[in-house]
Protein backbone atom coordinates (compact mmCIF):
# COMPACT_ATOMS: atom_id res chain seq x y z
CA UNK A 1 -5.60 74.56 -14.43
CA UNK A 2 -2.65 75.92 -16.38
CA UNK A 3 0.13 73.50 -17.38
CA UNK A 4 2.61 75.61 -15.42
CA UNK A 5 0.66 75.50 -12.18
CA UNK A 6 1.19 72.91 -9.48
CA UNK A 7 -1.80 70.81 -8.27
CA UNK A 8 -1.63 72.58 -4.92
CA UNK A 9 -4.26 74.50 -2.98
CA UNK A 10 -2.88 77.32 -0.85
CA UNK A 11 -5.08 78.39 2.04
CA UNK A 12 -4.75 81.06 4.68
CA UNK A 13 -6.90 82.50 7.44
CA UNK A 14 -7.06 86.26 7.80
CA UNK A 15 -8.37 89.14 9.87
CA UNK A 16 -7.48 92.75 9.03
CA UNK A 17 -4.44 91.93 6.90
CA UNK A 18 -4.85 94.63 4.21
CA UNK A 19 -1.28 95.83 4.69
CA UNK A 20 0.29 92.38 4.21
CA UNK A 21 -1.88 89.91 2.34
CA UNK A 22 -1.28 91.18 -1.21
CA UNK A 23 2.44 90.48 -0.95
CA UNK A 24 1.76 86.96 0.32
CA UNK A 25 -0.65 86.15 -2.52
CA UNK A 26 1.55 87.74 -5.19
CA UNK A 27 4.40 85.35 -4.30
CA UNK A 28 2.29 82.23 -4.98
CA UNK A 29 -0.64 83.00 -7.28
CA UNK A 30 1.18 82.30 -10.57
CA UNK A 31 2.37 78.76 -9.80
CA UNK A 32 -0.32 77.07 -7.69
CA UNK A 33 -3.78 75.93 -8.75
CA UNK A 34 -5.78 77.98 -6.26
CA UNK A 35 -5.44 80.41 -3.37
CA UNK A 36 -8.16 80.41 -0.72
CA UNK A 37 -8.51 83.08 1.96
CA UNK A 38 -10.85 82.44 4.87
CA UNK A 39 -11.65 85.78 6.47
CA UNK A 40 -13.25 86.07 9.90
CA UNK A 41 -14.64 89.60 9.59
CA UNK A 42 -12.01 92.08 8.46
CA UNK A 43 -12.99 95.75 8.49
CA UNK A 44 -9.95 97.12 6.63
CA UNK A 45 -10.76 95.85 3.13
CA UNK A 46 -8.75 92.63 3.34
CA UNK A 47 -11.45 90.69 1.48
CA UNK A 48 -11.49 92.96 -1.59
CA UNK A 49 -7.69 93.18 -1.77
CA UNK A 50 -7.31 89.41 -1.52
CA UNK A 51 -9.92 88.83 -4.23
CA UNK A 52 -8.29 91.40 -6.52
CA UNK A 53 -4.93 89.70 -5.96
CA UNK A 54 -6.33 86.40 -7.24
CA UNK A 55 -7.68 84.57 -4.19
CA UNK A 56 -11.06 82.99 -3.60
CA UNK A 57 -12.33 84.69 -0.46
CA UNK A 58 -14.74 83.08 1.98
CA UNK A 59 -16.16 84.23 5.30
CA UNK A 60 -16.15 82.06 8.40
CA UNK A 61 -16.76 83.36 11.91
CA UNK A 62 -13.74 82.96 14.14
CA UNK A 63 -13.70 79.54 15.82
CA UNK A 64 -10.10 79.30 17.04
CA UNK A 65 -6.92 78.53 15.10
CA UNK A 66 -7.41 74.81 14.59
CA UNK A 67 -11.12 74.90 13.69
CA UNK A 68 -10.57 77.88 11.38
CA UNK A 69 -7.87 76.05 9.45
CA UNK A 70 -9.92 72.85 9.34
CA UNK A 71 -12.71 74.83 7.70
CA UNK A 72 -10.22 76.24 5.18
CA UNK A 73 -8.87 72.75 4.41
CA UNK A 74 -12.37 71.59 3.54
CA UNK A 75 -12.70 74.30 0.87
CA UNK A 76 -9.64 73.12 -1.08
CA UNK A 77 -10.04 71.06 -4.24
CA UNK A 78 -6.53 69.56 -4.45
CA UNK A 79 -4.99 66.67 -2.56
CA UNK A 80 -1.84 68.71 -1.83
CA UNK A 81 -2.32 71.67 0.51
CA UNK A 82 0.01 74.53 1.42
CA UNK A 83 -0.93 76.59 4.45
CA UNK A 84 0.44 80.09 4.86
CA UNK A 85 -0.34 82.90 7.24
CA UNK A 86 -1.28 86.20 5.64
CA UNK A 87 2.05 87.69 6.74
CA UNK A 88 4.25 84.87 5.37
CA UNK A 89 5.94 85.23 1.98
CA UNK A 90 7.36 82.35 -0.07
CA UNK A 91 10.69 83.45 -1.59
CA UNK A 92 11.78 82.28 -5.08
CA UNK A 93 14.21 79.74 -3.60
CA UNK A 94 11.40 77.96 -1.76
CA UNK A 95 9.15 78.10 -4.80
CA UNK A 96 11.84 76.31 -6.81
CA UNK A 97 12.22 73.62 -4.15
CA UNK A 98 8.46 73.01 -4.03
CA UNK A 99 8.28 72.86 -7.83
CA UNK A 100 11.11 70.32 -7.81
CA UNK A 101 9.01 68.04 -5.57
CA UNK A 102 6.34 67.90 -8.28
CA UNK A 103 8.73 67.72 -11.25
CA UNK A 104 8.17 64.01 -11.88
CA UNK A 105 4.72 63.57 -10.36
CA UNK A 106 3.54 63.75 -6.77
CA UNK A 107 6.00 64.30 -3.92
CA UNK A 108 7.28 61.11 -2.33
CA UNK A 109 6.38 61.92 1.29
CA UNK A 110 3.13 62.72 3.10
CA UNK A 111 4.12 66.17 4.33
CA UNK A 112 6.95 68.67 4.50
CA UNK A 113 8.10 71.03 7.22
CA UNK A 114 8.75 74.63 6.21
CA UNK A 115 11.32 76.76 7.99
CA UNK A 116 9.65 80.03 9.02
CA UNK A 117 11.82 82.94 10.18
CA UNK A 118 10.65 86.32 11.49
CA UNK A 119 11.59 89.56 9.76
CA UNK A 120 11.46 92.62 12.05
CA UNK A 121 10.60 96.17 10.94
CA UNK A 122 13.63 97.63 9.20
CA UNK A 123 14.80 94.23 7.91
CA UNK A 124 14.24 93.02 4.34
CA UNK A 125 15.12 89.35 4.81
CA UNK A 126 15.83 86.93 7.65
CA UNK A 127 19.15 87.21 9.46
CA UNK A 128 21.62 84.57 8.13
CA UNK A 129 21.54 82.89 11.57
CA UNK A 130 17.85 83.53 12.21
CA UNK A 131 15.94 81.24 14.54
CA UNK A 132 13.11 79.51 12.73
CA UNK A 133 10.08 77.37 13.48
CA UNK A 134 9.52 74.34 11.26
CA UNK A 135 5.87 73.23 11.31
CA UNK A 136 4.41 71.01 8.60
CA UNK A 137 2.72 73.33 6.11
CA UNK A 138 2.84 71.39 2.81
CA UNK A 139 0.97 68.09 3.07
CA UNK A 140 -1.46 65.62 1.57
CA UNK A 141 -5.05 66.26 2.61
CA UNK A 142 -5.76 62.53 2.76
CA UNK A 143 -2.88 61.98 5.21
CA UNK A 144 -2.89 65.02 7.46
CA UNK A 145 -5.36 67.47 8.92
CA UNK A 146 -5.15 70.39 11.31
CA UNK A 147 -5.88 69.57 14.95
CA UNK A 148 -9.13 70.87 16.40
CA UNK A 149 -7.36 72.83 19.17
CA UNK A 150 -8.39 76.50 19.26
CA UNK A 151 -4.89 77.49 20.46
CA UNK A 152 -2.38 75.17 18.77
CA UNK A 153 -2.49 75.03 14.97
CA UNK A 154 -0.61 71.91 13.94
CA UNK A 155 -1.17 69.23 11.33
CA UNK A 156 -1.83 65.77 12.73
CA UNK A 157 -0.79 62.61 10.86
CA UNK A 158 -1.18 58.86 11.38
CA UNK A 159 1.79 57.14 13.07
CA UNK A 160 3.18 55.79 9.80
CA UNK A 161 3.30 59.18 8.04
CA UNK A 162 6.53 60.06 6.24
CA UNK A 163 7.64 63.65 6.66
CA UNK A 164 10.46 65.74 5.20
CA UNK A 165 11.73 69.30 5.46
CA UNK A 166 12.40 72.03 2.91
CA UNK A 167 15.42 74.26 3.55
CA UNK A 168 14.69 77.78 2.18
CA UNK A 169 13.20 80.12 4.77
CA UNK A 170 9.65 81.45 4.60
CA UNK A 171 9.80 85.22 5.19
CA UNK A 172 7.56 85.95 8.15
CA UNK A 173 6.63 89.63 8.51
CA UNK A 174 4.92 88.99 11.82
CA UNK A 175 5.70 92.17 13.75
CA UNK A 176 4.06 95.41 12.62
CA UNK A 177 5.14 97.19 15.80
CA UNK A 178 6.07 96.33 19.36
CA UNK A 179 2.66 97.51 20.54
CA UNK A 180 0.81 95.36 18.03
CA UNK A 181 3.04 92.40 18.92
CA UNK A 182 2.14 92.79 22.59
CA UNK A 183 -1.57 92.99 21.77
CA UNK A 184 -1.33 89.77 19.75
CA UNK A 185 0.63 87.97 22.47
CA UNK A 186 -1.88 89.14 25.07
CA UNK A 187 -4.67 87.61 23.00
CA UNK A 188 -2.75 84.33 22.76
CA UNK A 189 -2.37 84.25 26.53
CA UNK A 190 -6.14 84.69 26.93
CA UNK A 191 -6.79 81.73 24.63
CA UNK A 192 -4.23 79.58 26.44
CA UNK A 193 -5.72 80.33 29.85
CA UNK A 194 -9.25 79.67 28.58
CA UNK A 195 -8.09 76.28 27.27
CA UNK A 196 -6.38 75.39 30.55
CA UNK A 197 -9.36 76.59 32.58
CA UNK A 198 -11.77 74.49 30.53
CA UNK A 199 -9.61 71.47 31.38
CA UNK A 200 -9.79 72.22 35.10
CA UNK A 201 -6.89 74.63 35.38
CA UNK A 202 -3.33 73.98 36.47
CA UNK A 203 -1.75 74.83 39.82
CA UNK A 204 1.02 77.42 39.44
CA UNK A 205 3.92 77.17 41.86
CA UNK A 206 5.60 80.20 43.42
CA UNK A 207 8.84 79.20 41.69
CA UNK A 208 7.12 79.24 38.31
CA UNK A 209 5.59 82.61 39.04
CA UNK A 210 8.98 84.11 39.90
CA UNK A 211 11.05 82.52 37.15
CA UNK A 212 8.72 82.57 34.14
CA UNK A 213 9.73 86.04 32.93
CA UNK A 214 13.56 85.80 33.28
CA UNK A 215 13.78 82.26 31.93
CA UNK A 216 11.66 83.08 28.90
CA UNK A 217 13.69 86.21 28.23
CA UNK A 218 16.88 84.13 28.21
CA UNK A 219 15.23 81.49 26.03
CA UNK A 220 14.17 84.04 23.41
CA UNK A 221 17.11 86.45 23.57
CA UNK A 222 19.81 83.78 23.45
CA UNK A 223 18.07 80.51 22.52
CA UNK A 224 16.15 82.08 19.65
CA UNK A 225 19.10 84.31 18.81
CA UNK A 226 17.34 87.64 19.20
CA UNK A 227 20.64 89.00 20.49
CA UNK A 228 21.77 89.04 16.85
CA UNK A 229 18.96 91.45 15.95
CA UNK A 230 20.09 94.60 17.77
CA UNK A 231 17.82 96.71 19.96
CA UNK A 232 14.65 95.46 18.28
CA UNK A 233 15.64 91.90 19.09
CA UNK A 234 16.06 92.83 22.75
CA UNK A 235 12.71 94.61 22.91
CA UNK A 236 10.90 91.79 21.14
CA UNK A 237 12.41 89.26 23.55
CA UNK A 238 11.13 91.38 26.44
CA UNK A 239 7.63 91.35 24.91
CA UNK A 240 7.61 87.58 24.53
CA UNK A 241 8.90 87.04 28.05
CA UNK A 242 6.30 89.37 29.52
CA UNK A 243 3.53 87.62 27.60
CA UNK A 244 4.59 84.30 29.13
CA UNK A 245 4.57 85.89 32.57
CA UNK A 246 1.14 87.33 31.79
CA UNK A 247 -0.18 83.89 30.90
CA UNK A 248 0.93 82.56 34.28
CA UNK A 249 -0.47 85.63 36.08
CA UNK A 250 -3.86 85.19 34.39
CA UNK A 251 -3.91 81.52 35.36
CA UNK A 252 -3.18 82.44 38.99
CA UNK A 253 -5.96 85.00 38.81
CA UNK A 254 -8.33 82.33 37.52
CA UNK A 255 -7.29 80.02 40.38
CA UNK A 256 -7.93 82.72 42.97
CA UNK A 257 -11.34 83.58 41.55
CA UNK A 258 -12.28 79.91 41.55
CA UNK A 259 -10.70 79.29 45.01
CA UNK A 260 -8.37 76.55 43.87
C-alpha cells in the first residue's frame, strides 16, 4: 500500500454501469487502498472497464441489495470500508474530509453518514439546497455490517456504536432518463411487494389506495425540494409518486389473488 493511500477498502455492487462506473472509480482510486466491484452479470462491458480503471472485479449472482453488499464486504481486506454505488462520485471536498479523519491515525467513531444528493441530466453538481439522504457509508467492518434484507441496504451497528456525519455532498448521478428511472422504481416496487408477501402481506385500506399518489407527490416535490429543479424536478416527482402508487396497487393485486 502506498504511503499516500488511506487504509480503506471501497466496494460497490454493479450491473450494466459502463456509462458511469469509470467516473466513480477515478474519483477514489488514487487515495484508497483498494477498490472492489462486485458485478452480478453485466452485458455492457462494465467488468472490463472497472478493471481497467483500477478495481478488482468479482462476479456474484444477484441475491438482493443487502446480501450482495454483505458478499462485497467479505472481500475487503481493510477494517475501514467505504461503500459507494456505481453512479456516486466523491468530490474533492469530501475526499479531503475523509483524509482528515485518518490524519492522526484511525477515525474516532465507528461509522460516518455521507450526504448523498441527486444530480439530474443537464446538471453538473447538486443544487445548493438539494435534498439529500444520509446513510452510513464509511464504517469499521468490525462494528457494522450491511443488513441481510434484499430490499433495504443499510449498515447495522450494535447499540453502543458511535456515529458521525460528513458534510460535503456525494454527487449521485442516479437518473439516466425518466424512462430508466421508472423502470428502476418499478423493479424496487416488485422487490418490496415480494418482501411483504413473504411476510404474509399487509392489508391496504381504501384511503391508502386513494391518497398514496398525491401525498407522495407532495412529499417529493416540496419535502424533497424537487420544485427547485425546474421541469425535470416535477417530472421526477411524478415518477416517484407513481412508483409508490404502483407498489400499493401490486400489493392489492397480491391480496386479491390470494383472497385476503
